[in-house]
């Protein structure tokens, strides 16, 4: 990524690699996603037990929209909440919403009215990957019903 004085170049191959890896992480974490509308994983971080729940918001032949939420709230601020579109024919997952911010452009002029980084779209997809990797590395299935608010 180039953060030079004027121009930012999108690394499309790197972005697609992150989205492809995120698809595999979601499917590994929630393997019954095609049959179920919700599931949860319990994760212990720094001695604190958290729950990461997935809810299917929309399902079609080639895509599924899911919501990922962490609870309880993090002591330092709002817990992560992602909306992710899974493209099953491409084996790709892309963040469409993070913390109520939607419709990420590939590139933003900087500065801008929302103070988004030039590569905000790439950053939220990278964050999803790190979040899912943490869940895969530290998580265990939760077998009680999933209630989303």
N, C-alpha and C. Protein backbone atom coordinates (compact mmCIF):
# COMPACT_ATOMS: atom_id res chain seq x y z
N UNK A 1 0.84 -1.18 0.00
CA UNK A 1 0.00 0.00 0.00
C UNK A 1 0.88 1.24 0.00
N UNK A 2 0.48 2.16 -0.77
CA UNK A 2 1.26 3.38 -0.93
C UNK A 2 0.55 4.53 -0.23
N UNK A 3 1.18 5.08 0.80
CA UNK A 3 0.60 6.21 1.52
C UNK A 3 1.38 7.48 1.22
N UNK A 4 1.89 7.58 0.02
CA UNK A 4 2.65 8.76 -0.37
C UNK A 4 1.81 10.02 -0.31
N UNK A 5 2.40 11.10 -0.67
CA UNK A 5 1.78 12.41 -0.52
C UNK A 5 0.46 12.52 -1.25
N UNK A 6 0.31 11.86 -2.41
CA UNK A 6 -0.90 12.13 -3.15
C UNK A 6 -1.78 10.94 -3.44
N UNK A 7 -1.23 9.82 -3.87
CA UNK A 7 -2.06 8.77 -4.46
C UNK A 7 -1.96 7.48 -3.66
N UNK A 8 -3.09 6.84 -3.49
CA UNK A 8 -3.16 5.53 -2.84
C UNK A 8 -3.52 4.50 -3.90
N UNK A 9 -2.77 3.44 -3.98
CA UNK A 9 -3.03 2.37 -4.94
C UNK A 9 -3.66 1.17 -4.23
N UNK A 10 -4.76 0.69 -4.76
CA UNK A 10 -5.43 -0.48 -4.20
C UNK A 10 -4.66 -1.72 -4.63
N UNK A 11 -4.36 -2.58 -3.69
CA UNK A 11 -3.75 -3.88 -3.98
C UNK A 11 -4.89 -4.89 -4.05
N UNK A 12 -5.49 -5.02 -5.24
CA UNK A 12 -6.67 -5.85 -5.41
C UNK A 12 -6.39 -7.31 -5.08
N UNK A 13 -5.25 -7.82 -5.49
CA UNK A 13 -4.92 -9.23 -5.21
C UNK A 13 -4.84 -9.48 -3.71
N UNK A 14 -4.23 -8.56 -2.98
CA UNK A 14 -4.13 -8.70 -1.52
C UNK A 14 -5.50 -8.61 -0.87
N UNK A 15 -6.34 -7.68 -1.34
CA UNK A 15 -7.69 -7.54 -0.79
C UNK A 15 -8.50 -8.81 -1.01
N UNK A 16 -8.46 -9.36 -2.20
CA UNK A 16 -9.19 -10.59 -2.49
C UNK A 16 -8.65 -11.77 -1.69
N UNK A 17 -7.35 -11.81 -1.46
CA UNK A 17 -6.76 -12.88 -0.65
C UNK A 17 -7.29 -12.81 0.79
N UNK A 18 -7.41 -11.61 1.33
CA UNK A 18 -7.96 -11.43 2.69
C UNK A 18 -9.41 -11.89 2.71
N UNK A 19 -10.20 -11.49 1.71
CA UNK A 19 -11.62 -11.88 1.66
C UNK A 19 -11.78 -13.39 1.48
N UNK A 20 -10.93 -14.01 0.68
CA UNK A 20 -10.97 -15.46 0.50
C UNK A 20 -10.62 -16.18 1.81
N UNK A 21 -9.59 -15.70 2.48
CA UNK A 21 -9.19 -16.30 3.77
C UNK A 21 -10.29 -16.11 4.81
N UNK A 22 -10.96 -14.97 4.80
CA UNK A 22 -12.05 -14.73 5.74
C UNK A 22 -13.22 -15.69 5.50
N UNK A 23 -13.51 -15.98 4.25
CA UNK A 23 -14.56 -16.95 3.95
C UNK A 23 -14.22 -18.30 4.57
N UNK A 24 -12.98 -18.74 4.37
CA UNK A 24 -12.56 -20.03 4.94
C UNK A 24 -12.62 -20.01 6.46
N UNK A 25 -12.25 -18.89 7.08
CA UNK A 25 -12.31 -18.78 8.54
C UNK A 25 -13.76 -18.86 9.04
N UNK A 26 -14.66 -18.14 8.38
CA UNK A 26 -16.08 -18.18 8.79
C UNK A 26 -16.61 -19.60 8.67
N UNK A 27 -16.34 -20.27 7.57
CA UNK A 27 -16.87 -21.61 7.36
C UNK A 27 -16.23 -22.62 8.31
N UNK A 28 -15.00 -22.41 8.69
CA UNK A 28 -14.35 -23.29 9.68
C UNK A 28 -14.92 -23.06 11.08
N UNK A 29 -15.19 -21.80 11.38
CA UNK A 29 -15.71 -21.44 12.70
C UNK A 29 -17.17 -21.85 12.85
N UNK A 30 -17.94 -21.72 11.79
CA UNK A 30 -19.37 -22.02 11.81
C UNK A 30 -19.71 -22.97 10.66
N UNK A 31 -19.28 -24.24 10.75
CA UNK A 31 -19.43 -25.17 9.62
C UNK A 31 -20.88 -25.49 9.26
N UNK A 32 -21.83 -25.28 10.16
CA UNK A 32 -23.23 -25.60 9.87
C UNK A 32 -24.00 -24.36 9.40
N UNK A 33 -23.29 -23.37 8.93
CA UNK A 33 -23.91 -22.12 8.51
C UNK A 33 -24.94 -22.30 7.39
N UNK A 34 -24.76 -23.31 6.55
CA UNK A 34 -25.71 -23.54 5.46
C UNK A 34 -27.03 -24.11 5.96
N UNK A 35 -27.01 -24.79 7.12
CA UNK A 35 -28.22 -25.42 7.66
C UNK A 35 -28.84 -24.66 8.82
N UNK A 36 -28.08 -23.87 9.53
CA UNK A 36 -28.57 -23.21 10.74
C UNK A 36 -28.56 -21.69 10.56
N UNK A 37 -29.42 -21.03 11.33
CA UNK A 37 -29.50 -19.56 11.25
C UNK A 37 -28.72 -18.87 12.36
N UNK A 38 -28.08 -19.63 13.24
CA UNK A 38 -27.30 -19.01 14.30
C UNK A 38 -26.41 -20.02 14.99
N UNK A 39 -25.34 -19.53 15.55
CA UNK A 39 -24.40 -20.35 16.31
C UNK A 39 -23.56 -19.40 17.16
N UNK A 40 -22.80 -19.97 18.07
CA UNK A 40 -21.95 -19.15 18.92
C UNK A 40 -20.67 -19.89 19.27
N UNK A 41 -19.65 -19.10 19.58
CA UNK A 41 -18.37 -19.61 20.01
C UNK A 41 -18.00 -18.87 21.28
N UNK A 42 -17.53 -19.61 22.27
CA UNK A 42 -17.03 -18.99 23.50
C UNK A 42 -15.53 -18.82 23.39
N UNK A 43 -15.02 -17.67 23.75
CA UNK A 43 -13.60 -17.35 23.64
C UNK A 43 -13.13 -16.80 24.98
N UNK A 44 -11.96 -17.24 25.43
CA UNK A 44 -11.37 -16.69 26.65
C UNK A 44 -10.17 -15.86 26.24
N UNK A 45 -10.22 -14.57 26.54
CA UNK A 45 -9.13 -13.65 26.23
C UNK A 45 -8.73 -12.92 27.51
N UNK A 46 -7.47 -12.97 27.84
CA UNK A 46 -6.95 -12.29 29.03
C UNK A 46 -7.77 -12.64 30.27
N UNK A 47 -8.15 -13.91 30.39
CA UNK A 47 -8.91 -14.37 31.53
C UNK A 47 -10.38 -13.98 31.53
N UNK A 48 -10.84 -13.38 30.47
CA UNK A 48 -12.22 -12.90 30.37
C UNK A 48 -12.97 -13.74 29.34
N UNK A 49 -14.12 -14.25 29.71
CA UNK A 49 -14.93 -15.09 28.82
C UNK A 49 -15.86 -14.21 27.99
N UNK A 50 -15.78 -14.36 26.68
CA UNK A 50 -16.68 -13.64 25.79
C UNK A 50 -17.39 -14.63 24.88
N UNK A 51 -18.43 -14.17 24.26
CA UNK A 51 -19.21 -14.99 23.34
C UNK A 51 -19.26 -14.26 22.00
N UNK A 52 -19.00 -15.00 20.95
CA UNK A 52 -19.11 -14.46 19.60
C UNK A 52 -20.23 -15.24 18.92
N UNK A 53 -21.28 -14.51 18.56
CA UNK A 53 -22.45 -15.14 17.95
C UNK A 53 -22.53 -14.74 16.49
N UNK A 54 -23.01 -15.68 15.68
CA UNK A 54 -23.28 -15.41 14.27
C UNK A 54 -24.78 -15.62 14.05
N UNK A 55 -25.35 -14.73 13.27
CA UNK A 55 -26.76 -14.82 12.92
C UNK A 55 -26.87 -14.64 11.41
N UNK A 56 -27.62 -15.51 10.77
CA UNK A 56 -27.88 -15.36 9.34
C UNK A 56 -28.96 -14.31 9.17
N UNK A 57 -28.63 -13.23 8.50
CA UNK A 57 -29.58 -12.12 8.28
C UNK A 57 -30.33 -12.28 6.97
N UNK A 58 -29.68 -12.91 5.99
CA UNK A 58 -30.27 -13.06 4.66
C UNK A 58 -29.58 -14.21 3.96
N UNK A 59 -30.35 -14.98 3.24
CA UNK A 59 -29.79 -16.13 2.54
C UNK A 59 -30.36 -16.18 1.13
N UNK A 60 -29.49 -16.40 0.16
CA UNK A 60 -29.93 -16.63 -1.22
C UNK A 60 -29.09 -17.78 -1.78
N UNK A 61 -29.29 -18.08 -3.04
CA UNK A 61 -28.61 -19.24 -3.63
C UNK A 61 -27.08 -19.12 -3.58
N UNK A 62 -26.56 -17.94 -3.89
CA UNK A 62 -25.11 -17.77 -3.99
C UNK A 62 -24.50 -16.93 -2.88
N UNK A 63 -25.33 -16.30 -2.06
CA UNK A 63 -24.78 -15.43 -1.01
C UNK A 63 -25.53 -15.63 0.31
N UNK A 64 -24.84 -15.31 1.38
CA UNK A 64 -25.44 -15.28 2.72
C UNK A 64 -24.91 -14.04 3.41
N UNK A 65 -25.82 -13.30 4.04
CA UNK A 65 -25.41 -12.14 4.85
C UNK A 65 -25.48 -12.58 6.31
N UNK A 66 -24.38 -12.38 7.03
CA UNK A 66 -24.34 -12.75 8.44
C UNK A 66 -23.99 -11.54 9.29
N UNK A 67 -24.37 -11.62 10.57
CA UNK A 67 -23.95 -10.64 11.58
C UNK A 67 -23.11 -11.37 12.60
N UNK A 68 -21.97 -10.83 12.90
CA UNK A 68 -21.10 -11.36 13.96
C UNK A 68 -21.08 -10.34 15.08
N UNK A 69 -21.35 -10.81 16.31
CA UNK A 69 -21.35 -9.91 17.47
C UNK A 69 -20.64 -10.55 18.63
N UNK A 70 -19.94 -9.70 19.37
CA UNK A 70 -19.28 -10.14 20.59
C UNK A 70 -20.10 -9.63 21.78
N UNK A 71 -20.24 -10.48 22.80
CA UNK A 71 -20.87 -10.04 24.04
C UNK A 71 -20.16 -10.73 25.20
N UNK A 72 -20.13 -10.19 26.37
CA UNK A 72 -20.63 -8.86 26.71
C UNK A 72 -19.75 -7.77 26.10
N UNK A 73 -20.21 -6.54 26.28
CA UNK A 73 -19.45 -5.39 25.78
C UNK A 73 -18.04 -5.38 26.35
N UNK A 74 -17.10 -4.95 25.56
CA UNK A 74 -15.72 -4.81 26.02
C UNK A 74 -15.63 -3.68 27.04
N UNK A 75 -14.80 -3.82 28.06
CA UNK A 75 -14.72 -2.77 29.08
C UNK A 75 -14.15 -1.46 28.55
N UNK A 76 -13.46 -1.48 27.43
CA UNK A 76 -12.83 -0.27 26.90
C UNK A 76 -13.68 0.43 25.85
N UNK A 77 -14.83 -0.14 25.47
CA UNK A 77 -15.69 0.50 24.48
C UNK A 77 -16.57 -0.51 23.79
N UNK A 78 -17.14 -0.12 22.69
CA UNK A 78 -18.06 -0.97 21.96
C UNK A 78 -17.37 -2.23 21.46
N UNK A 79 -18.04 -3.35 21.61
CA UNK A 79 -17.51 -4.62 21.12
C UNK A 79 -17.70 -4.72 19.62
N UNK A 80 -16.88 -5.52 18.97
CA UNK A 80 -16.98 -5.65 17.52
C UNK A 80 -18.35 -6.16 17.07
N UNK A 81 -18.87 -5.57 16.00
CA UNK A 81 -20.09 -6.01 15.35
C UNK A 81 -19.87 -5.85 13.84
N UNK A 82 -19.87 -6.96 13.16
CA UNK A 82 -19.64 -6.99 11.71
C UNK A 82 -20.87 -7.51 10.99
N UNK A 83 -21.19 -6.96 9.84
CA UNK A 83 -22.08 -7.58 8.87
C UNK A 83 -21.18 -8.00 7.72
N UNK A 84 -21.33 -9.24 7.31
CA UNK A 84 -20.43 -9.82 6.31
C UNK A 84 -21.26 -10.52 5.25
N UNK A 85 -20.96 -10.25 3.98
CA UNK A 85 -21.61 -10.97 2.89
C UNK A 85 -20.66 -12.07 2.44
N UNK A 86 -21.21 -13.30 2.45
CA UNK A 86 -20.46 -14.47 1.99
C UNK A 86 -20.89 -14.78 0.56
N UNK A 87 -19.94 -14.85 -0.34
CA UNK A 87 -20.18 -15.19 -1.74
C UNK A 87 -19.75 -16.65 -1.91
N UNK A 88 -20.73 -17.57 -1.89
CA UNK A 88 -20.41 -19.00 -1.90
C UNK A 88 -19.82 -19.47 -3.22
N UNK A 89 -20.23 -18.88 -4.32
CA UNK A 89 -19.68 -19.30 -5.61
C UNK A 89 -18.23 -18.85 -5.78
N UNK A 90 -17.82 -17.83 -5.04
CA UNK A 90 -16.45 -17.32 -5.12
C UNK A 90 -15.60 -17.72 -3.90
N UNK A 91 -16.24 -18.29 -2.88
CA UNK A 91 -15.57 -18.58 -1.60
C UNK A 91 -14.89 -17.33 -1.06
N UNK A 92 -15.68 -16.28 -0.95
CA UNK A 92 -15.18 -14.96 -0.58
C UNK A 92 -16.13 -14.34 0.45
N UNK A 93 -15.59 -13.61 1.42
CA UNK A 93 -16.40 -12.93 2.44
C UNK A 93 -15.92 -11.49 2.54
N UNK A 94 -16.86 -10.55 2.50
CA UNK A 94 -16.50 -9.13 2.55
C UNK A 94 -17.36 -8.41 3.59
N UNK A 95 -16.72 -7.57 4.39
CA UNK A 95 -17.42 -6.78 5.39
C UNK A 95 -18.25 -5.72 4.67
N UNK A 96 -19.54 -5.66 5.01
CA UNK A 96 -20.41 -4.64 4.44
C UNK A 96 -20.78 -3.59 5.48
N UNK A 97 -20.58 -3.93 6.76
CA UNK A 97 -20.87 -2.98 7.85
C UNK A 97 -20.00 -3.34 9.05
N UNK A 98 -19.47 -2.30 9.68
CA UNK A 98 -18.71 -2.48 10.91
C UNK A 98 -19.09 -1.36 11.88
N UNK A 99 -19.55 -1.73 13.07
CA UNK A 99 -19.96 -0.77 14.10
C UNK A 99 -20.93 0.27 13.53
N UNK A 100 -21.88 -0.18 12.76
CA UNK A 100 -22.93 0.66 12.15
C UNK A 100 -22.44 1.55 11.01
N UNK A 101 -21.17 1.48 10.64
CA UNK A 101 -20.67 2.20 9.45
C UNK A 101 -20.86 1.26 8.26
N UNK A 102 -21.43 1.79 7.17
CA UNK A 102 -21.76 0.97 6.01
C UNK A 102 -21.12 1.49 4.74
N UNK A 103 -21.21 0.65 3.73
CA UNK A 103 -20.84 1.02 2.36
C UNK A 103 -19.43 1.61 2.28
N UNK A 104 -18.46 0.77 2.50
CA UNK A 104 -17.07 1.22 2.45
C UNK A 104 -16.61 1.35 1.01
N UNK A 105 -16.11 2.52 0.68
CA UNK A 105 -15.54 2.76 -0.64
C UNK A 105 -14.15 2.14 -0.70
N UNK A 106 -13.71 1.75 -1.89
CA UNK A 106 -12.35 1.19 -2.01
C UNK A 106 -11.27 2.19 -1.60
N UNK A 107 -11.51 3.48 -1.88
CA UNK A 107 -10.53 4.53 -1.58
C UNK A 107 -11.27 5.77 -1.11
N UNK A 108 -10.70 6.44 -0.12
CA UNK A 108 -11.25 7.72 0.35
C UNK A 108 -10.20 8.80 0.16
N UNK A 109 -10.67 9.98 -0.22
CA UNK A 109 -9.79 11.14 -0.20
C UNK A 109 -9.49 11.42 1.27
N UNK A 110 -8.37 11.99 1.55
CA UNK A 110 -8.02 12.25 2.95
C UNK A 110 -7.48 13.66 3.07
N UNK A 111 -8.00 14.45 3.98
CA UNK A 111 -9.06 14.14 4.95
C UNK A 111 -10.43 14.11 4.28
N UNK A 112 -11.40 13.49 4.99
CA UNK A 112 -12.78 13.44 4.50
C UNK A 112 -13.72 13.68 5.68
N UNK A 113 -15.00 13.88 5.38
CA UNK A 113 -15.96 14.29 6.42
C UNK A 113 -16.12 13.24 7.52
N UNK A 114 -15.99 11.97 7.20
CA UNK A 114 -16.14 10.92 8.21
C UNK A 114 -14.80 10.49 8.81
N UNK A 115 -13.74 11.13 8.37
CA UNK A 115 -12.38 10.83 8.83
C UNK A 115 -12.02 9.35 8.67
N UNK A 116 -12.46 8.78 7.55
CA UNK A 116 -12.08 7.41 7.23
C UNK A 116 -10.69 7.41 6.62
N UNK A 117 -9.97 6.34 6.89
CA UNK A 117 -8.65 6.17 6.30
C UNK A 117 -8.78 5.91 4.81
N UNK A 118 -7.74 6.21 4.06
CA UNK A 118 -7.78 6.00 2.61
C UNK A 118 -8.13 4.56 2.26
N UNK A 119 -7.64 3.63 3.06
CA UNK A 119 -7.86 2.20 2.80
C UNK A 119 -8.81 1.58 3.82
N UNK A 120 -9.84 2.30 4.23
CA UNK A 120 -10.76 1.83 5.27
C UNK A 120 -11.37 0.47 4.95
N UNK A 121 -11.75 0.25 3.71
CA UNK A 121 -12.35 -1.02 3.31
C UNK A 121 -11.36 -2.17 3.54
N UNK A 122 -10.14 -1.99 3.14
CA UNK A 122 -9.12 -3.01 3.35
C UNK A 122 -8.89 -3.25 4.84
N UNK A 123 -8.90 -2.17 5.62
CA UNK A 123 -8.65 -2.30 7.06
C UNK A 123 -9.75 -3.07 7.78
N UNK A 124 -11.03 -2.82 7.45
CA UNK A 124 -12.10 -3.54 8.15
C UNK A 124 -12.11 -5.02 7.77
N UNK A 125 -11.74 -5.34 6.54
CA UNK A 125 -11.66 -6.75 6.15
C UNK A 125 -10.47 -7.43 6.82
N UNK A 126 -9.37 -6.72 6.98
CA UNK A 126 -8.22 -7.25 7.70
C UNK A 126 -8.58 -7.47 9.18
N UNK A 127 -9.30 -6.52 9.77
CA UNK A 127 -9.73 -6.65 11.16
C UNK A 127 -10.63 -7.87 11.34
N UNK A 128 -11.56 -8.09 10.41
CA UNK A 128 -12.40 -9.28 10.47
C UNK A 128 -11.53 -10.53 10.48
N UNK A 129 -10.52 -10.57 9.64
CA UNK A 129 -9.62 -11.73 9.60
C UNK A 129 -8.93 -11.96 10.93
N UNK A 130 -8.45 -10.90 11.56
CA UNK A 130 -7.79 -11.03 12.85
C UNK A 130 -8.78 -11.48 13.93
N UNK A 131 -9.99 -10.94 13.89
CA UNK A 131 -11.03 -11.31 14.85
C UNK A 131 -11.38 -12.79 14.71
N UNK A 132 -11.60 -13.25 13.47
CA UNK A 132 -11.93 -14.65 13.23
C UNK A 132 -10.77 -15.58 13.60
N UNK A 133 -9.55 -15.16 13.31
CA UNK A 133 -8.38 -15.97 13.67
C UNK A 133 -8.28 -16.14 15.18
N UNK A 134 -8.56 -15.08 15.90
CA UNK A 134 -8.56 -15.15 17.36
C UNK A 134 -9.63 -16.14 17.84
N UNK A 135 -10.80 -16.08 17.26
CA UNK A 135 -11.88 -17.00 17.63
C UNK A 135 -11.49 -18.45 17.32
N UNK A 136 -10.87 -18.67 16.18
CA UNK A 136 -10.44 -20.02 15.82
C UNK A 136 -9.36 -20.53 16.75
N UNK A 137 -8.46 -19.66 17.15
CA UNK A 137 -7.35 -20.07 18.01
C UNK A 137 -7.72 -20.23 19.47
N UNK A 138 -8.70 -19.48 19.94
CA UNK A 138 -9.03 -19.46 21.36
C UNK A 138 -10.44 -19.93 21.68
N UNK A 139 -11.23 -20.27 20.66
CA UNK A 139 -12.65 -20.51 20.87
C UNK A 139 -13.04 -21.96 21.06
N UNK A 140 -14.25 -22.13 21.58
CA UNK A 140 -14.87 -23.44 21.72
C UNK A 140 -16.36 -23.26 21.43
N UNK A 141 -16.98 -24.26 20.82
CA UNK A 141 -18.40 -24.16 20.47
C UNK A 141 -19.25 -23.97 21.72
N UNK A 142 -20.29 -23.20 21.57
CA UNK A 142 -21.28 -22.99 22.63
C UNK A 142 -22.54 -23.70 22.16
N UNK A 143 -23.07 -24.57 23.00
CA UNK A 143 -24.20 -25.42 22.56
C UNK A 143 -25.54 -25.00 23.12
N UNK A 144 -25.67 -23.76 23.56
CA UNK A 144 -26.99 -23.28 23.98
C UNK A 144 -27.59 -22.45 22.86
N UNK A 145 -28.90 -22.21 22.92
CA UNK A 145 -29.53 -21.41 21.86
C UNK A 145 -28.90 -20.03 21.73
N UNK A 146 -28.87 -19.53 20.52
CA UNK A 146 -28.31 -18.21 20.25
C UNK A 146 -29.44 -17.21 20.17
N UNK A 147 -29.39 -16.20 21.01
CA UNK A 147 -30.39 -15.13 21.00
C UNK A 147 -29.70 -13.84 20.62
N UNK A 148 -30.09 -13.27 19.50
CA UNK A 148 -29.50 -12.03 19.03
C UNK A 148 -30.46 -10.91 19.38
N UNK A 149 -29.90 -9.77 19.79
CA UNK A 149 -30.76 -8.62 20.12
C UNK A 149 -30.72 -7.60 19.02
